[in-house]
N, C-alpha and C. Protein backbone atom coordinates (compact mmCIF):
# COMPACT_ATOMS: atom_id res chain seq x y z
N MET A 1 29.26 17.88 7.71
CA MET A 1 28.50 18.92 7.03
C MET A 1 28.94 20.31 7.54
N THR A 2 29.08 21.16 6.60
CA THR A 2 29.44 22.50 6.85
C THR A 2 28.34 23.52 6.45
N GLY A 3 28.12 24.55 7.26
CA GLY A 3 27.17 25.50 6.93
C GLY A 3 27.64 26.87 6.77
N HIS A 4 27.11 27.59 5.83
CA HIS A 4 27.37 29.08 5.77
C HIS A 4 26.12 29.95 5.94
N HIS A 5 26.09 30.90 6.65
CA HIS A 5 24.92 31.75 6.89
C HIS A 5 25.06 33.10 6.31
N LYS A 6 24.22 33.61 5.39
CA LYS A 6 24.30 34.94 4.83
C LYS A 6 22.84 35.43 4.75
N GLY A 7 22.57 36.12 5.68
CA GLY A 7 21.22 36.85 5.67
C GLY A 7 20.07 35.68 5.86
N ASN A 8 19.09 35.66 4.96
CA ASN A 8 18.06 34.68 5.05
C ASN A 8 18.55 33.41 4.32
N ILE A 9 19.67 33.28 3.80
CA ILE A 9 20.17 31.99 3.07
C ILE A 9 21.09 31.21 3.89
N VAL A 10 20.80 29.93 3.83
CA VAL A 10 21.63 29.10 4.55
C VAL A 10 22.09 27.94 3.56
N VAL A 11 23.40 27.75 3.28
CA VAL A 11 23.85 26.77 2.49
C VAL A 11 24.52 25.56 3.22
N LEU A 12 23.95 24.44 3.20
CA LEU A 12 24.51 23.30 3.84
C LEU A 12 25.17 22.29 2.76
N MET A 13 26.50 21.99 3.07
CA MET A 13 27.12 21.22 2.03
C MET A 13 27.54 19.88 2.62
N ALA A 14 27.28 18.80 2.07
CA ALA A 14 27.76 17.50 2.47
C ALA A 14 28.23 16.69 1.33
N GLY A 15 29.42 16.55 1.14
CA GLY A 15 30.01 15.79 -0.07
C GLY A 15 29.82 16.66 -1.37
N THR A 16 29.18 16.10 -2.36
CA THR A 16 28.82 16.77 -3.54
C THR A 16 27.38 17.35 -3.60
N THR A 17 26.60 16.95 -2.46
CA THR A 17 25.28 17.42 -2.50
C THR A 17 25.22 18.78 -1.81
N LYS A 18 24.34 19.70 -2.44
CA LYS A 18 24.34 21.01 -1.77
C LYS A 18 22.81 21.27 -1.43
N ARG A 19 22.53 21.73 -0.26
CA ARG A 19 21.29 22.03 0.11
C ARG A 19 21.18 23.48 0.31
N LEU A 20 20.10 24.18 -0.02
CA LEU A 20 20.01 25.67 0.02
C LEU A 20 18.72 25.97 0.74
N SER A 21 18.70 26.79 1.78
CA SER A 21 17.57 27.21 2.46
C SER A 21 17.56 28.56 2.20
N ILE A 22 16.34 29.17 1.64
CA ILE A 22 16.20 30.51 1.09
C ILE A 22 14.74 30.94 1.38
N ALA A 23 14.78 32.31 1.82
CA ALA A 23 13.41 32.81 2.06
C ALA A 23 12.81 33.23 0.71
N LEU A 24 11.60 32.84 0.42
CA LEU A 24 10.92 33.07 -0.91
C LEU A 24 9.51 33.69 -0.63
N ASP A 25 9.02 34.48 -1.58
CA ASP A 25 7.69 35.03 -1.43
C ASP A 25 6.72 33.76 -1.66
N HIS A 26 6.02 33.39 -0.69
CA HIS A 26 5.18 32.28 -0.69
C HIS A 26 4.09 32.44 -1.77
N ALA A 27 3.54 33.58 -1.98
CA ALA A 27 2.47 33.69 -2.99
C ALA A 27 3.05 33.46 -4.50
N LEU A 28 4.27 34.07 -4.61
CA LEU A 28 4.89 33.93 -5.87
C LEU A 28 5.23 32.62 -6.25
N LEU A 29 5.69 31.88 -5.32
CA LEU A 29 6.04 30.35 -5.37
C LEU A 29 4.85 29.57 -5.74
N ALA A 30 3.71 29.94 -5.02
CA ALA A 30 2.41 29.15 -5.15
C ALA A 30 1.74 29.41 -6.57
N GLU A 31 2.01 30.76 -7.02
CA GLU A 31 1.55 31.02 -8.44
C GLU A 31 2.34 30.25 -9.46
N ALA A 32 3.64 30.23 -9.24
CA ALA A 32 4.52 29.52 -10.23
C ALA A 32 4.22 28.07 -10.22
N ARG A 33 4.00 27.51 -9.09
CA ARG A 33 3.68 26.19 -8.92
C ARG A 33 2.43 25.76 -9.60
N ARG A 34 1.37 26.59 -9.55
CA ARG A 34 0.11 26.42 -10.15
C ARG A 34 0.30 26.56 -11.67
N LEU A 35 1.02 27.59 -12.08
CA LEU A 35 1.23 27.77 -13.65
C LEU A 35 2.03 26.64 -14.28
N THR A 36 2.95 26.18 -13.59
CA THR A 36 3.81 25.14 -14.14
C THR A 36 3.30 23.73 -13.88
N ARG A 37 2.21 23.62 -13.03
CA ARG A 37 1.58 22.31 -12.69
C ARG A 37 2.66 21.50 -12.07
N SER A 38 3.66 22.09 -11.34
CA SER A 38 4.58 21.33 -10.57
C SER A 38 3.99 20.65 -9.35
N ARG A 39 4.62 19.42 -9.04
CA ARG A 39 4.01 18.66 -7.82
C ARG A 39 4.69 19.20 -6.59
N THR A 40 5.94 19.77 -6.70
CA THR A 40 6.68 20.16 -5.46
C THR A 40 7.28 21.49 -5.68
N LYS A 41 7.67 22.10 -4.56
CA LYS A 41 8.36 23.43 -4.65
C LYS A 41 9.62 23.22 -5.31
N ARG A 42 10.30 22.12 -5.03
CA ARG A 42 11.59 21.88 -5.65
C ARG A 42 11.49 21.69 -7.15
N GLU A 43 10.54 21.06 -7.60
CA GLU A 43 10.28 21.01 -9.04
C GLU A 43 9.99 22.41 -9.69
N THR A 44 9.20 23.09 -9.03
CA THR A 44 8.86 24.47 -9.47
C THR A 44 10.06 25.39 -9.61
N ILE A 45 10.97 25.30 -8.56
CA ILE A 45 12.10 26.18 -8.62
C ILE A 45 13.13 25.55 -9.70
N ALA A 46 13.27 24.33 -9.94
CA ALA A 46 14.08 23.71 -10.93
C ALA A 46 13.58 24.20 -12.29
N LYS A 47 12.26 24.21 -12.56
CA LYS A 47 11.69 24.62 -13.85
C LYS A 47 11.98 26.02 -13.95
N ALA A 48 11.87 26.93 -12.96
CA ALA A 48 12.04 28.32 -13.08
C ALA A 48 13.45 28.48 -13.48
N LEU A 49 14.47 27.89 -12.94
CA LEU A 49 15.81 28.12 -13.17
C LEU A 49 16.13 27.64 -14.65
N GLU A 50 15.56 26.46 -15.02
CA GLU A 50 15.73 26.16 -16.43
C GLU A 50 15.31 27.17 -17.43
N GLU A 51 14.13 27.57 -17.17
CA GLU A 51 13.50 28.67 -18.04
C GLU A 51 14.28 29.92 -18.07
N LEU A 52 14.93 30.34 -16.90
CA LEU A 52 15.63 31.53 -16.85
C LEU A 52 16.97 31.35 -17.70
N VAL A 53 17.62 30.22 -17.57
CA VAL A 53 18.81 29.98 -18.29
C VAL A 53 18.52 29.95 -19.81
N LYS A 54 17.39 29.25 -20.24
CA LYS A 54 16.96 29.32 -21.63
C LYS A 54 16.89 30.75 -22.15
N LEU A 55 16.05 31.52 -21.30
CA LEU A 55 15.81 32.89 -21.79
C LEU A 55 17.20 33.65 -21.95
N GLU A 56 18.12 33.53 -20.91
CA GLU A 56 19.31 34.18 -21.17
C GLU A 56 20.09 33.79 -22.29
N HIS A 57 20.07 32.45 -22.55
CA HIS A 57 20.81 32.09 -23.72
C HIS A 57 20.15 32.64 -25.05
N ARG A 58 18.80 32.77 -25.10
CA ARG A 58 18.18 33.29 -26.21
C ARG A 58 18.50 34.84 -26.43
N LYS A 59 18.61 35.52 -25.25
CA LYS A 59 18.91 36.89 -25.33
C LYS A 59 20.22 37.10 -25.93
N ALA A 60 21.29 36.21 -25.41
CA ALA A 60 22.73 36.39 -25.72
C ALA A 60 22.73 36.04 -27.40
N LEU A 61 22.06 35.04 -27.80
CA LEU A 61 22.02 34.74 -29.16
C LEU A 61 21.49 35.87 -30.03
N ALA A 62 20.33 36.38 -29.60
CA ALA A 62 19.72 37.55 -30.29
C ALA A 62 20.65 38.69 -30.43
N HIS A 63 21.35 38.94 -29.20
CA HIS A 63 22.37 39.95 -29.25
C HIS A 63 23.41 39.81 -30.21
N ALA A 64 23.95 38.50 -30.29
CA ALA A 64 25.05 38.06 -31.14
C ALA A 64 24.65 38.17 -32.65
N VAL A 65 23.39 37.82 -32.97
CA VAL A 65 22.91 37.83 -34.25
C VAL A 65 22.93 39.31 -34.76
N GLY A 66 22.40 40.11 -33.90
CA GLY A 66 22.34 41.57 -34.24
C GLY A 66 23.66 42.34 -34.38
N THR A 67 24.80 41.67 -33.88
CA THR A 67 26.19 42.27 -34.08
C THR A 67 26.85 41.90 -35.36
N GLY A 68 26.25 40.93 -36.18
CA GLY A 68 26.89 40.60 -37.40
C GLY A 68 27.81 39.54 -37.22
N LEU A 69 27.94 38.90 -36.03
CA LEU A 69 28.81 37.75 -35.80
C LEU A 69 28.51 36.55 -36.67
N PHE A 70 27.21 36.49 -37.00
CA PHE A 70 26.57 35.38 -37.81
C PHE A 70 26.38 35.75 -39.19
N GLU A 71 26.89 35.04 -40.20
CA GLU A 71 26.54 35.53 -41.67
C GLU A 71 25.51 34.54 -42.14
N THR A 72 24.37 34.54 -41.53
CA THR A 72 23.26 33.69 -41.92
C THR A 72 21.99 34.35 -41.85
N THR A 73 21.05 34.10 -42.60
CA THR A 73 19.79 34.69 -42.69
C THR A 73 18.87 34.11 -41.50
N GLU A 74 17.90 34.70 -41.19
CA GLU A 74 17.00 34.07 -40.21
C GLU A 74 16.27 32.79 -40.82
N ALA A 75 15.97 32.75 -42.04
CA ALA A 75 15.44 31.55 -42.64
C ALA A 75 16.43 30.36 -42.55
N GLU A 76 17.78 30.62 -42.82
CA GLU A 76 18.75 29.58 -42.77
C GLU A 76 18.85 29.10 -41.29
N PHE A 77 18.92 30.01 -40.32
CA PHE A 77 18.98 29.69 -38.89
C PHE A 77 17.88 28.79 -38.58
N ARG A 78 16.67 29.08 -38.96
CA ARG A 78 15.45 28.37 -38.57
C ARG A 78 15.52 27.00 -39.24
N SER A 79 15.92 26.88 -40.51
CA SER A 79 16.05 25.62 -41.18
C SER A 79 17.13 24.76 -40.42
N ARG A 80 18.24 25.19 -40.17
CA ARG A 80 19.23 24.55 -39.36
C ARG A 80 18.64 23.97 -38.07
N ARG A 81 17.89 24.90 -37.41
CA ARG A 81 17.35 24.49 -36.10
C ARG A 81 16.34 23.39 -36.21
N ARG A 82 15.53 23.40 -37.27
CA ARG A 82 14.60 22.36 -37.55
C ARG A 82 15.32 21.01 -37.79
N ARG A 83 16.41 21.07 -38.54
CA ARG A 83 17.15 19.76 -38.81
C ARG A 83 17.75 19.28 -37.59
N MET A 84 18.32 20.17 -36.71
CA MET A 84 18.87 19.73 -35.46
C MET A 84 17.92 19.06 -34.54
N HIS A 85 16.68 19.58 -34.43
CA HIS A 85 15.55 18.95 -33.53
C HIS A 85 14.96 17.68 -34.21
N ALA A 86 15.16 17.51 -35.56
CA ALA A 86 14.66 16.43 -36.19
C ALA A 86 15.54 15.12 -35.84
N HIS A 87 16.82 15.35 -35.55
CA HIS A 87 17.75 14.30 -35.18
C HIS A 87 17.74 13.92 -33.73
N ARG A 88 16.95 14.50 -33.04
CA ARG A 88 16.96 14.17 -31.60
C ARG A 88 15.97 12.97 -31.32
């Protein structure tokens, strides 16, 4: 197992598994855990990262739509999205 120290963050790596030790605001983590009804800190952080990634993808898509890269109306886009989700 190797370790890298950078300030308050310690990354321990063993094989393909990565462990991360990080200093977090405990009050903020507790609030996020309560709001997401997560059972563990790990689950809370995973949910937060997933939501952040989704948000950034939505921002990128909104920016791309505004640039004219897509030649579709909002109604067509929503219709396609509904069809995609119906097939899941």
